[in-house]
PDB file of N, CA and C in Angstrom:
ATOM      1  N   UNK A   1      80.824 110.474 175.075  1.00  0.00           N
ATOM      2  CA  UNK A   1      81.226 109.129 175.387  1.00  0.00           C
ATOM      3  C   UNK A   1      80.208 108.170 174.780  1.00  0.00           C
ATOM      4  N   UNK A   2      80.737 107.193 174.049  1.00  0.00           N
ATOM      5  CA  UNK A   2      79.876 106.214 173.399  1.00  0.00           C
ATOM      6  C   UNK A   2      79.999 104.889 174.134  1.00  0.00           C
ATOM      7  N   UNK A   3      78.892 104.386 174.614  1.00  0.00           N
ATOM      8  CA  UNK A   3      78.932 103.135 175.385  1.00  0.00           C
ATOM      9  C   UNK A   3      79.083 101.899 174.526  1.00  0.00           C
ATOM     10  N   UNK A   4      78.794 101.976 173.275  1.00  0.00           N
ATOM     11  CA  UNK A   4      78.775 100.794 172.415  1.00  0.00           C
ATOM     12  C   UNK A   4      80.071 100.570 171.647  1.00  0.00           C
ATOM     13  N   UNK A   5      81.008 101.408 171.743  1.00  0.00           N
ATOM     14  CA  UNK A   5      82.308 101.158 171.118  1.00  0.00           C
ATOM     15  C   UNK A   5      83.187 100.410 172.110  1.00  0.00           C
ATOM     16  N   UNK A   6      83.860  99.415 171.574  1.00  0.00           N
ATOM     17  CA  UNK A   6      84.704  98.575 172.443  1.00  0.00           C
ATOM     18  C   UNK A   6      86.107  99.151 172.502  1.00  0.00           C
ATOM     19  N   UNK A   7      86.584  99.188 173.670  1.00  0.00           N
ATOM     20  CA  UNK A   7      87.962  99.595 173.877  1.00  0.00           C
ATOM     21  C   UNK A   7      88.844  98.366 173.657  1.00  0.00           C
ATOM     22  N   UNK A   8      89.969  98.496 172.959  1.00  0.00           N
ATOM     23  CA  UNK A   8      90.843  97.323 172.785  1.00  0.00           C
ATOM     24  C   UNK A   8      91.378  96.859 174.135  1.00  0.00           C
ATOM     25  N   UNK A   9      91.274  95.563 174.315  1.00  0.00           N
ATOM     26  CA  UNK A   9      91.769  94.992 175.576  1.00  0.00           C
ATOM     27  C   UNK A   9      93.277  94.849 175.507  1.00  0.00           C
ATOM     28  N   UNK A  10      93.859  95.132 176.592  1.00  0.00           N
ATOM     29  CA  UNK A  10      95.312  94.983 176.662  1.00  0.00           C
ATOM     30  C   UNK A  10      95.619  93.761 177.509  1.00  0.00           C
ATOM     31  N   UNK A  11      96.628  93.041 177.057  1.00  0.00           N
ATOM     32  CA  UNK A  11      97.019  91.855 177.793  1.00  0.00           C
ATOM     33  C   UNK A  11      97.837  92.293 178.997  1.00  0.00           C
ATOM     34  N   UNK A  12      97.417  91.872 180.134  1.00  0.00           N
ATOM     35  CA  UNK A  12      98.123  92.265 181.345  1.00  0.00           C
ATOM     36  C   UNK A  12      99.360  91.396 181.529  1.00  0.00           C
ATOM     37  N   UNK A  13     100.190  91.777 182.450  1.00  0.00           N
ATOM     38  CA  UNK A  13     101.433  91.041 182.711  1.00  0.00           C
ATOM     39  C   UNK A  13     101.188  89.620 183.159  1.00  0.00           C
ATOM     40  N   UNK A  14     100.116  89.372 183.897  1.00  0.00           N
ATOM     41  CA  UNK A  14      99.815  88.016 184.366  1.00  0.00           C
ATOM     42  C   UNK A  14      99.483  87.109 183.192  1.00  0.00           C
ATOM     43  N   UNK A  15      98.753  87.617 182.226  1.00  0.00           N
ATOM     44  CA  UNK A  15      98.405  86.815 181.053  1.00  0.00           C
ATOM     45  C   UNK A  15      99.648  86.489 180.234  1.00  0.00           C
ATOM     46  N   UNK A  16     100.574  87.424 180.135  1.00  0.00           N
ATOM     47  CA  UNK A  16     101.841  87.145 179.447  1.00  0.00           C
ATOM     48  C   UNK A  16     102.597  86.032 180.166  1.00  0.00           C
ATOM     49  N   UNK A  17     102.671  86.102 181.462  1.00  0.00           N
ATOM     50  CA  UNK A  17     103.386  85.079 182.227  1.00  0.00           C
ATOM     51  C   UNK A  17     102.735  83.709 182.078  1.00  0.00           C
ATOM     52  N   UNK A  18     101.426  83.658 182.064  1.00  0.00           N
ATOM     53  CA  UNK A  18     100.731  82.379 181.886  1.00  0.00           C
ATOM     54  C   UNK A  18     101.031  81.811 180.507  1.00  0.00           C
ATOM     55  N   UNK A  19     101.008  82.658 179.476  1.00  0.00           N
ATOM     56  CA  UNK A  19     101.307  82.199 178.115  1.00  0.00           C
ATOM     57  C   UNK A  19     102.739  81.676 178.008  1.00  0.00           C
ATOM     58  N   UNK A  20     103.665  82.406 178.578  1.00  0.00           N
ATOM     59  CA  UNK A  20     105.070  81.987 178.543  1.00  0.00           C
ATOM     60  C   UNK A  20     105.248  80.690 179.334  1.00  0.00           C
ATOM     61  N   UNK A  21     104.585  80.564 180.466  1.00  0.00           N
ATOM     62  CA  UNK A  21     104.675  79.335 181.261  1.00  0.00           C
ATOM     63  C   UNK A  21     104.138  78.128 180.510  1.00  0.00           C
ATOM     64  N   UNK A  22     102.999  78.271 179.853  1.00  0.00           N
ATOM     65  CA  UNK A  22     102.436  77.159 179.073  1.00  0.00           C
ATOM     66  C   UNK A  22     103.366  76.790 177.929  1.00  0.00           C
ATOM     67  N   UNK A  23     103.941  77.792 177.264  1.00  0.00           N
ATOM     68  CA  UNK A  23     104.889  77.524 176.181  1.00  0.00           C
ATOM     69  C   UNK A  23     106.106  76.753 176.689  1.00  0.00           C
ATOM     70  N   UNK A  24     106.637  77.148 177.836  1.00  0.00           N
ATOM     71  CA  UNK A  24     107.809  76.467 178.404  1.00  0.00           C
ATOM     72  C   UNK A  24     107.490  75.028 178.779  1.00  0.00           C
ATOM     73  N   UNK A  25     106.323  74.787 179.335  1.00  0.00           N
ATOM     74  CA  UNK A  25     105.936  73.419 179.688  1.00  0.00           C
ATOM     75  C   UNK A  25     105.847  72.549 178.440  1.00  0.00           C
ATOM     76  N   UNK A  26     105.225  73.067 177.396  1.00  0.00           N
ATOM     77  CA  UNK A  26     105.105  72.308 176.148  1.00  0.00           C
ATOM     78  C   UNK A  26     106.481  72.080 175.533  1.00  0.00           C
ATOM     79  N   UNK A  27     107.352  73.074 175.572  1.00  0.00           N
ATOM     80  CA  UNK A  27     108.708  72.939 175.026  1.00  0.00           C
ATOM     81  C   UNK A  27     109.502  71.864 175.769  1.00  0.00           C
ATOM     82  N   UNK A  28     109.475  71.881 177.095  1.00  0.00           N
ATOM     83  CA  UNK A  28     110.208  70.865 177.874  1.00  0.00           C
ATOM     84  C   UNK A  28     109.625  69.475 177.654  1.00  0.00           C
ATOM     85  N   UNK A  29     108.338  69.378 177.523  1.00  0.00           N
ATOM     86  CA  UNK A  29     107.692  68.087 177.249  1.00  0.00           C
ATOM     87  C   UNK A  29     108.156  67.546 175.896  1.00  0.00           C
ATOM     88  N   UNK A  30     108.215  68.423 174.876  1.00  0.00           N
ATOM     89  CA  UNK A  30     108.660  68.028 173.549  1.00  0.00           C
ATOM     90  C   UNK A  30     110.126  67.589 173.568  1.00  0.00           C
ATOM     91  N   UNK A  31     110.992  68.348 174.243  1.00  0.00           N
ATOM     92  CA  UNK A  31     112.411  68.000 174.316  1.00  0.00           C
ATOM     93  C   UNK A  31     112.635  66.689 175.070  1.00  0.00           C
ATOM     94  N   UNK A  32     111.824  66.432 176.094  1.00  0.00           N
ATOM     95  CA  UNK A  32     111.911  65.155 176.808  1.00  0.00           C
ATOM     96  C   UNK A  32     111.558  63.983 175.909  1.00  0.00           C
ATOM     97  N   UNK A  33     110.569  64.160 175.053  1.00  0.00           N
ATOM     98  CA  UNK A  33     110.207  63.117 174.099  1.00  0.00           C
ATOM     99  C   UNK A  33     111.309  62.859 173.100  1.00  0.00           C
ATOM    100  N   UNK A  34     111.950  63.919 172.616  1.00  0.00           N
ATOM    101  CA  UNK A  34     113.073  63.746 171.686  1.00  0.00           C
ATOM    102  C   UNK A  34     114.229  63.002 172.338  1.00  0.00           C
ATOM    103  N   UNK A  35     114.496  63.300 173.592  1.00  0.00           N
ATOM    104  CA  UNK A  35     115.568  62.625 174.311  1.00  0.00           C
ATOM    105  C   UNK A  35     115.266  61.134 174.456  1.00  0.00           C
ATOM    106  N   UNK A  36     114.032  60.807 174.738  1.00  0.00           N
ATOM    107  CA  UNK A  36     113.630  59.412 174.878  1.00  0.00           C
ATOM    108  C   UNK A  36     113.771  58.663 173.557  1.00  0.00           C
ATOM    109  N   UNK A  37     113.385  59.288 172.476  1.00  0.00           N
ATOM    110  CA  UNK A  37     113.506  58.669 171.155  1.00  0.00           C
ATOM    111  C   UNK A  37     114.974  58.460 170.809  1.00  0.00           C
ATOM    112  N   UNK A  38     115.814  59.427 171.105  1.00  0.00           N
ATOM    113  CA  UNK A  38     117.246  59.317 170.826  1.00  0.00           C
ATOM    114  C   UNK A  38     117.880  58.169 171.613  1.00  0.00           C
ATOM    115  N   UNK A  39     117.509  58.023 172.864  1.00  0.00           N
ATOM    116  CA  UNK A  39     118.055  56.946 173.695  1.00  0.00           C
ATOM    117  C   UNK A  39     117.625  55.577 173.165  1.00  0.00           C
ATOM    118  N   UNK A  40     116.364  55.443 172.780  1.00  0.00           N
ATOM    119  CA  UNK A  40     115.872  54.181 172.237  1.00  0.00           C
ATOM    120  C   UNK A  40     116.590  53.830 170.941  1.00  0.00           C
ATOM    121  N   UNK A  41     116.802  54.814 170.090  1.00  0.00           N
ATOM    122  CA  UNK A  41     117.499  54.584 168.825  1.00  0.00           C
ATOM    123  C   UNK A  41     118.938  54.136 169.063  1.00  0.00           C
ATOM    124  N   UNK A  42     119.617  54.746 170.028  1.00  0.00           N
ATOM    125  CA  UNK A  42     121.000  54.368 170.342  1.00  0.00           C
ATOM    126  C   UNK A  42     121.068  52.932 170.853  1.00  0.00           C
ATOM    127  N   UNK A  43     120.122  52.539 171.689  1.00  0.00           N
ATOM    128  CA  UNK A  43     120.085  51.165 172.198  1.00  0.00           C
ATOM    129  C   UNK A  43     119.874  50.173 171.067  1.00  0.00           C
ATOM    130  N   UNK A  44     118.993  50.518 170.121  1.00  0.00           N
ATOM    131  CA  UNK A  44     118.734  49.627 168.997  1.00  0.00           C
ATOM    132  C   UNK A  44     119.937  49.521 168.075  1.00  0.00           C
ATOM    133  N   UNK A  45     120.657  50.611 167.865  1.00  0.00           N
ATOM    134  CA  UNK A  45     121.873  50.577 167.051  1.00  0.00           C
ATOM    135  C   UNK A  45     122.920  49.655 167.675  1.00  0.00           C
ATOM    136  N   UNK A  46     123.070  49.752 168.973  1.00  0.00           N
ATOM    137  CA  UNK A  46     124.041  48.928 169.691  1.00  0.00           C
ATOM    138  C   UNK A  46     123.698  47.448 169.560  1.00  0.00           C
ATOM    139  N   UNK A  47     122.437  47.110 169.773  1.00  0.00           N
ATOM    140  CA  UNK A  47     122.000  45.719 169.667  1.00  0.00           C
ATOM    141  C   UNK A  47     122.109  45.218 168.227  1.00  0.00           C
ATOM    142  N   UNK A  48     121.797  46.068 167.264  1.00  0.00           N
ATOM    143  CA  UNK A  48     121.895  45.691 165.855  1.00  0.00           C
ATOM    144  C   UNK A  48     123.337  45.382 165.455  1.00  0.00           C
ATOM    145  N   UNK A  49     124.287  46.177 165.946  1.00  0.00           N
ATOM    146  CA  UNK A  49     125.700  45.920 165.650  1.00  0.00           C
ATOM    147  C   UNK A  49     126.146  44.592 166.258  1.00  0.00           C
ATOM    148  N   UNK A  50     125.739  44.335 167.483  1.00  0.00           N
ATOM    149  CA  UNK A  50     126.106  43.068 168.128  1.00  0.00           C
ATOM    150  C   UNK A  50     125.546  41.883 167.347  1.00  0.00           C
ATOM    151  N   UNK A  51     124.302  41.973 166.920  1.00  0.00           N
ATOM    152  CA  UNK A  51     123.700  40.886 166.142  1.00  0.00           C
ATOM    153  C   UNK A  51     124.395  40.725 164.789  1.00  0.00           C
ATOM    154  N   UNK A  52     124.835  41.814 164.185  1.00  0.00           N
ATOM    155  CA  UNK A  52     125.552  41.727 162.907  1.00  0.00           C
ATOM    156  C   UNK A  52     126.882  41.000 163.075  1.00  0.00           C
ATOM    157  N   UNK A  53     127.596  41.275 164.154  1.00  0.00           N
ATOM    158  CA  UNK A  53     128.880  40.589 164.408  1.00  0.00           C
ATOM    159  C   UNK A  53     128.621  39.102 164.658  1.00  0.00           C
ATOM    160  N   UNK A  54     127.603  38.784 165.426  1.00  0.00           N
ATOM    161  CA  UNK A  54     127.277  37.372 165.700  1.00  0.00           C
ATOM    162  C   UNK A  54     126.902  36.654 164.407  1.00  0.00           C
ATOM    163  N   UNK A  55     126.043  37.279 163.591  1.00  0.00           N
ATOM    164  CA  UNK A  55     125.635  36.646 162.327  1.00  0.00           C
ATOM    165  C   UNK A  55     126.831  36.413 161.408  1.00  0.00           C
ATOM    166  N   UNK A  56     127.726  37.389 161.328  1.00  0.00           N
ATOM    167  CA  UNK A  56     128.900  37.246 160.462  1.00  0.00           C
ATOM    168  C   UNK A  56     129.807  36.116 160.938  1.00  0.00           C
ATOM    169  N   UNK A  57     130.019  36.009 162.235  1.00  0.00           N
ATOM    170  CA  UNK A  57     130.897  34.951 162.744  1.00  0.00           C
ATOM    171  C   UNK A  57     130.244  33.575 162.580  1.00  0.00           C
ATOM    172  N   UNK A  58     128.946  33.483 162.760  1.00  0.00           N
ATOM    173  CA  UNK A  58     128.253  32.196 162.555  1.00  0.00           C
ATOM    174  C   UNK A  58     128.268  31.820 161.077  1.00  0.00           C
ATOM    175  N   UNK A  59     128.097  32.806 160.205  1.00  0.00           N
ATOM    176  CA  UNK A  59     128.165  32.528 158.772  1.00  0.00           C
ATOM    177  C   UNK A  59     129.558  32.027 158.387  1.00  0.00           C
ATOM    178  N   UNK A  60     130.586  32.615 158.950  1.00  0.00           N
ATOM    179  CA  UNK A  60     131.952  32.163 158.695  1.00  0.00           C
ATOM    180  C   UNK A  60     132.122  30.722 159.163  1.00  0.00           C
ATOM    181  N   UNK A  61     131.601  30.409 160.341  1.00  0.00           N
ATOM    182  CA  UNK A  61     131.704  29.039 160.868  1.00  0.00           C
ATOM    183  C   UNK A  61     130.961  28.053 159.960  1.00  0.00           C
ATOM    184  N   UNK A  62     129.795  28.454 159.474  1.00  0.00           N
ATOM    185  CA  UNK A  62     129.011  27.564 158.612  1.00  0.00           C
ATOM    186  C   UNK A  62     129.695  27.329 157.265  1.00  0.00           C
ATOM    187  N   UNK A  63     130.333  28.351 156.723  1.00  0.00           N
ATOM    188  CA  UNK A  63     130.947  28.220 155.401  1.00  0.00           C
ATOM    189  C   UNK A  63     132.368  27.658 155.449  1.00  0.00           C
ATOM    190  N   UNK A  64     133.143  28.027 156.466  1.00  0.00           N
ATOM    191  CA  UNK A  64     134.554  27.667 156.484  1.00  0.00           C
ATOM    192  C   UNK A  64     134.916  26.662 157.556  1.00  0.00           C
ATOM    193  N   UNK A  65     134.002  26.397 158.503  1.00  0.00           N
ATOM    194  CA  UNK A  65     134.260  25.383 159.513  1.00  0.00           C
ATOM    195  C   UNK A  65     134.988  25.878 160.747  1.00  0.00           C
ATOM    196  N   UNK A  66     135.219  27.166 160.871  1.00  0.00           N
ATOM    197  CA  UNK A  66     135.863  27.718 162.067  1.00  0.00           C
ATOM    198  C   UNK A  66     135.359  29.138 162.281  1.00  0.00           C
ATOM    199  N   UNK A  67     135.423  29.561 163.543  1.00  0.00           N
ATOM    200  CA  UNK A  67     135.109  30.956 163.843  1.00  0.00           C
ATOM    201  C   UNK A  67     136.348  31.783 163.545  1.00  0.00           C
ATOM    202  N   UNK A  68     136.171  32.973 162.991  1.00  0.00           N
ATOM    203  CA  UNK A  68     137.344  33.792 162.649  1.00  0.00           C
ATOM    204  C   UNK A  68     138.119  34.193 163.904  1.00  0.00           C
ATOM    205  N   UNK A  69     139.430  34.341 163.739  1.00  0.00           N
ATOM    206  CA  UNK A  69     140.295  34.668 164.869  1.00  0.00           C
ATOM    207  C   UNK A  69     140.279  36.146 165.227  1.00  0.00           C
ATOM    208  N   UNK A  70     139.787  36.997 164.321  1.00  0.00           N
ATOM    209  CA  UNK A  70     139.778  38.426 164.615  1.00  0.00           C
ATOM    210  C   UNK A  70     138.580  39.095 163.950  1.00  0.00           C
ATOM    211  N   UNK A  71     138.288  40.264 164.429  1.00  0.00           N
ATOM    212  CA  UNK A  71     137.205  41.062 163.868  1.00  0.00           C
ATOM    213  C   UNK A  71     137.576  41.564 162.473  1.00  0.00           C
ATOM    214  N   UNK A  72     138.851  41.779 162.244  1.00  0.00           N
ATOM    215  CA  UNK A  72     139.314  42.244 160.940  1.00  0.00           C
ATOM    216  C   UNK A  72     139.016  41.217 159.854  1.00  0.00           C
ATOM    217  N   UNK A  73     139.063  39.926 160.190  1.00  0.00           N
ATOM    218  CA  UNK A  73     138.737  38.881 159.223  1.00  0.00           C
ATOM    219  C   UNK A  73     137.284  39.019 158.768  1.00  0.00           C
ATOM    220  N   UNK A  74     136.403  39.308 159.710  1.00  0.00           N
ATOM    221  CA  UNK A  74     134.997  39.511 159.353  1.00  0.00           C
ATOM    222  C   UNK A  74     134.822  40.765 158.502  1.00  0.00           C
ATOM    223  N   UNK A  75     135.579  41.798 158.802  1.00  0.00           N
ATOM    224  CA  UNK A  75     135.490  43.027 158.012  1.00  0.00           C
ATOM    225  C   UNK A  75     135.994  42.804 156.592  1.00  0.00           C
ATOM    226  N   UNK A  76     137.079  42.043 156.442  1.00  0.00           N
ATOM    227  CA  UNK A  76     137.670  41.827 155.120  1.00  0.00           C
ATOM    228  C   UNK A  76     136.886  40.835 154.266  1.00  0.00           C
ATOM    229  N   UNK A  77     136.416  39.752 154.866  1.00  0.00           N
ATOM    230  CA  UNK A  77     135.815  38.667 154.083  1.00  0.00           C
ATOM    231  C   UNK A  77     134.288  38.620 154.107  1.00  0.00           C
ATOM    232  N   UNK A  78     133.661  39.239 155.081  1.00  0.00           N
ATOM    233  CA  UNK A  78     132.204  39.135 155.212  1.00  0.00           C
ATOM    234  C   UNK A  78     131.499  40.487 155.206  1.00  0.00           C
ATOM    235  N   UNK A  79     132.219  41.547 154.909  1.00  0.00           N
ATOM    236  CA  UNK A  79     131.612  42.855 154.716  1.00  0.00           C
ATOM    237  C   UNK A  79     131.074  43.525 155.965  1.00  0.00           C
ATOM    238  N   UNK A  80     131.558  43.147 157.131  1.00  0.00           N
ATOM    239  CA  UNK A  80     131.120  43.781 158.370  1.00  0.00           C
ATOM    240  C   UNK A  80     131.708  45.191 158.450  1.00  0.00           C
ATOM    241  N   UNK A  81     130.850  46.175 158.657  1.00  0.00           N
ATOM    242  CA  UNK A  81     131.301  47.560 158.819  1.00  0.00           C
ATOM    243  C   UNK A  81     130.558  48.196 159.988  1.00  0.00           C
ATOM    244  N   UNK A  82     131.230  49.093 160.675  1.00  0.00           N
ATOM    245  CA  UNK A  82     130.630  49.850 161.763  1.00  0.00           C
ATOM    246  C   UNK A  82     131.442  51.113 161.991  1.00  0.00           C
ATOM    247  N   UNK A  83     130.900  52.026 162.739  1.00  0.00           N
ATOM    248  CA  UNK A  83     131.552  53.307 163.014  1.00  0.00           C
ATOM    249  C   UNK A  83     132.516  53.154 164.188  1.00  0.00           C
ATOM    250  N   UNK A  84     133.816  53.183 163.895  1.00  0.00           N
ATOM    251  CA  UNK A  84     134.847  53.034 164.933  1.00  0.00           C
ATOM    252  C   UNK A  84     134.845  54.198 165.924  1.00  0.00           C
ATOM    253  N   UNK A  85     134.366  55.344 165.488  1.00  0.00           N
ATOM    254  CA  UNK A  85     134.350  56.510 166.371  1.00  0.00           C
ATOM    255  C   UNK A  85     133.201  56.448 167.376  1.00  0.00           C
ATOM    256  N   UNK A  86     132.232  55.592 167.118  1.00  0.00           N
ATOM    257  CA  UNK A  86     131.041  55.537 167.954  1.00  0.00           C
ATOM    258  C   UNK A  86     130.971  54.282 168.822  1.00  0.00           C
ATOM    259  N   UNK A  87     131.546  53.164 168.339  1.00  0.00           N
ATOM    260  CA  UNK A  87     131.436  51.887 169.040  1.00  0.00           C
ATOM    261  C   UNK A  87     132.788  51.185 169.136  1.00  0.00           C
ATOM    262  N   UNK A  88     132.924  50.368 170.189  1.00  0.00           N
ATOM    263  CA  UNK A  88     134.068  49.482 170.359  1.00  0.00           C
ATOM    264  C   UNK A  88     133.506  48.076 170.442  1.00  0.00           C
ATOM    265  N   UNK A  89     134.060  47.174 169.616  1.00  0.00           N
ATOM    266  CA  UNK A  89     133.603  45.782 169.602  1.00  0.00           C
ATOM    267  C   UNK A  89     134.677  44.926 170.240  1.00  0.00           C
ATOM    268  N   UNK A  90     134.304  44.206 171.284  1.00  0.00           N
ATOM    269  CA  UNK A  90     135.209  43.269 171.942  1.00  0.00           C
ATOM    270  C   UNK A  90     134.925  41.884 171.361  1.00  0.00           C
ATOM    271  N   UNK A  91     135.928  41.296 170.719  1.00  0.00           N
ATOM    272  CA  UNK A  91     135.778  40.009 170.051  1.00  0.00           C
ATOM    273  C   UNK A  91     136.891  39.093 170.566  1.00  0.00           C
ATOM    274  N   UNK A  92     136.539  38.178 171.469  1.00  0.00           N
ATOM    275  CA  UNK A  92     137.539  37.307 172.088  1.00  0.00           C
ATOM    276  C   UNK A  92     137.279  35.853 171.717  1.00  0.00           C
ATOM    277  N   UNK A  93     138.298  35.242 171.105  1.00  0.00           N
ATOM    278  CA  UNK A  93     138.186  33.854 170.654  1.00  0.00           C
ATOM    279  C   UNK A  93     138.900  32.948 171.647  1.00  0.00           C
ATOM    280  N   UNK A  94     138.237  31.856 172.030  1.00  0.00           N
ATOM    281  CA  UNK A  94     138.873  30.878 172.906  1.00  0.00           C
ATOM    282  C   UNK A  94     139.371  29.677 172.108  1.00  0.00           C
ATOM    283  N   UNK A  95     138.614  29.267 171.122  1.00  0.00           N
ATOM    284  CA  UNK A  95     139.014  28.158 170.246  1.00  0.00           C
ATOM    285  C   UNK A  95     138.308  28.338 168.915  1.00  0.00           C
ATOM    286  N   UNK A  96     138.819  27.693 167.867  1.00  0.00           N
ATOM    287  CA  UNK A  96     138.246  27.885 166.539  1.00  0.00           C
ATOM    288  C   UNK A  96     136.880  27.224 166.382  1.00  0.00           C
ATOM    289  N   UNK A  97     136.542  26.299 167.297  1.00  0.00           N
ATOM    290  CA  UNK A  97     135.251  25.631 167.187  1.00  0.00           C
ATOM    291  C   UNK A  97     134.252  26.093 168.254  1.00  0.00           C
ATOM    292  N   UNK A  98     134.623  27.082 169.053  1.00  0.00           N
ATOM    293  CA  UNK A  98     133.721  27.633 170.071  1.00  0.00           C
ATOM    294  C   UNK A  98     133.342  29.059 169.703  1.00  0.00           C
ATOM    295  N   UNK A  99     132.076  29.394 169.968  1.00  0.00           N
ATOM    296  CA  UNK A  99     131.579  30.735 169.664  1.00  0.00           C
ATOM    297  C   UNK A  99     132.384  31.772 170.456  1.00  0.00           C
ATOM    298  N   UNK A 100     132.900  32.794 169.786  1.00  0.00           N
ATOM    299  CA  UNK A 100     133.678  33.820 170.485  1.00  0.00           C
ATOM    300  C   UNK A 100     132.787  34.673 171.390  1.00  0.00           C
ATOM    301  N   UNK A 101     133.398  35.301 172.363  1.00  0.00           N
ATOM    302  CA  UNK A 101     132.695  36.228 173.243  1.00  0.00           C
ATOM    303  C   UNK A 101     132.644  37.582 172.538  1.00  0.00           C
ATOM    304  N   UNK A 102     131.435  38.074 172.316  1.00  0.00           N
ATOM    305  CA  UNK A 102     131.253  39.321 171.570  1.00  0.00           C
ATOM    306  C   UNK A 102     130.516  40.315 172.456  1.00  0.00           C
ATOM    307  N   UNK A 103     131.130  41.474 172.652  1.00  0.00           N
ATOM    308  CA  UNK A 103     130.507  42.564 173.393  1.00  0.00           C
ATOM    309  C   UNK A 103     130.674  43.842 172.588  1.00  0.00           C
ATOM    310  N   UNK A 104     129.666  44.682 172.632  1.00  0.00           N
ATOM    311  CA  UNK A 104     129.710  45.966 171.935  1.00  0.00           C
ATOM    312  C   UNK A 104     129.509  47.065 172.966  1.00  0.00           C
ATOM    313  N   UNK A 105     130.389  48.054 172.917  1.00  0.00           N
ATOM    314  CA  UNK A 105     130.337  49.175 173.850  1.00  0.00           C
ATOM    315  C   UNK A 105     130.235  50.476 173.072  1.00  0.00           C
ATOM    316  N   UNK A 106     129.431  51.380 173.570  1.00  0.00           N
ATOM    317  CA  UNK A 106     129.333  52.712 172.981  1.00  0.00           C
ATOM    318  C   UNK A 106     130.408  53.596 173.597  1.00  0.00           C
ATOM    319  N   UNK A 107     131.041  54.393 172.786  1.00  0.00           N
ATOM    320  CA  UNK A 107     132.056  55.311 173.300  1.00  0.00           C
ATOM    321  C   UNK A 107     131.422  56.498 174.008  1.00  0.00           C
ATOM    322  N   UNK A 108     130.161  56.759 173.735  1.00  0.00           N
ATOM    323  CA  UNK A 108     129.435  57.828 174.411  1.00  0.00           C
ATOM    324  C   UNK A 108     128.867  57.282 175.705  1.00  0.00           C
ATOM    325  N   UNK A 109     129.077  57.963 176.832  1.00  0.00           N
ATOM    326  CA  UNK A 109     128.677  57.438 178.132  1.00  0.00           C
ATOM    327  C   UNK A 109     127.174  57.403 178.325  1.00  0.00           C
ATOM    328  N   UNK A 110     126.388  58.077 177.471  1.00  0.00           N
ATOM    329  CA  UNK A 110     124.935  58.072 177.636  1.00  0.00           C
ATOM    330  C   UNK A 110     124.285  56.850 177.007  1.00  0.00           C
ATOM    331  N   UNK A 111     125.052  56.087 176.239  1.00  0.00           N
ATOM    332  CA  UNK A 111     124.460  54.938 175.588  1.00  0.00           C
ATOM    333  C   UNK A 111     124.625  53.698 176.449  1.00  0.00           C
ATOM    334  N   UNK A 112     123.844  52.676 176.166  1.00  0.00           N
ATOM    335  CA  UNK A 112     123.745  51.492 177.009  1.00  0.00           C
ATOM    336  C   UNK A 112     124.627  50.382 176.457  1.00  0.00           C
ATOM    337  N   UNK A 113     125.143  49.537 177.333  1.00  0.00           N
ATOM    338  CA  UNK A 113     125.950  48.376 176.965  1.00  0.00           C
ATOM    339  C   UNK A 113     125.103  47.118 177.135  1.00  0.00           C
ATOM    340  N   UNK A 114     125.102  46.270 176.124  1.00  0.00           N
ATOM    341  CA  UNK A 114     124.378  45.005 176.210  1.00  0.00           C
ATOM    342  C   UNK A 114     125.394  43.879 176.406  1.00  0.00           C
ATOM    343  N   UNK A 115     125.368  43.232 177.548  1.00  0.00           N
ATOM    344  CA  UNK A 115     126.229  42.092 177.827  1.00  0.00           C
ATOM    345  C   UNK A 115     125.364  40.863 177.934  1.00  0.00           C
ATOM    346  N   UNK A 116     124.998  40.298 176.804  1.00  0.00           N
ATOM    347  CA  UNK A 116     124.160  39.095 176.805  1.00  0.00           C
ATOM    348  C   UNK A 116     125.034  37.904 176.442  1.00  0.00           C
ATOM    349  N   UNK A 117     124.979  36.911 177.221  1.00  0.00           N
ATOM    350  CA  UNK A 117     125.753  35.709 176.941  1.00  0.00           C
ATOM    351  C   UNK A 117     124.860  34.504 177.011  1.00  0.00           C
TER     352      UNK A 117
END
């Protein structure tokens, strides 16, 4: 028997469980961060679309003297585009000289609705 030779250490079951537990905690922490980033991005997309519709309608009013009667007019004449499968735009006109009511809704229930008036 030689006292100076090292026997290879074996990882016990408790050490495996601790390693797996630490890995799971880090994994869930990472996935939570991704979810937060995704939610923030969706909120910004929604607000950006609403601002684009407002800018297009104000530009139409400045150039032509009236707010457009429909969203399709903005799409045809002012180049407004958006994903119909992802968002619904509510565009309600009361008069040609009054700013229309514009609301944008996400079709996905996890996204946020901005109702700013």
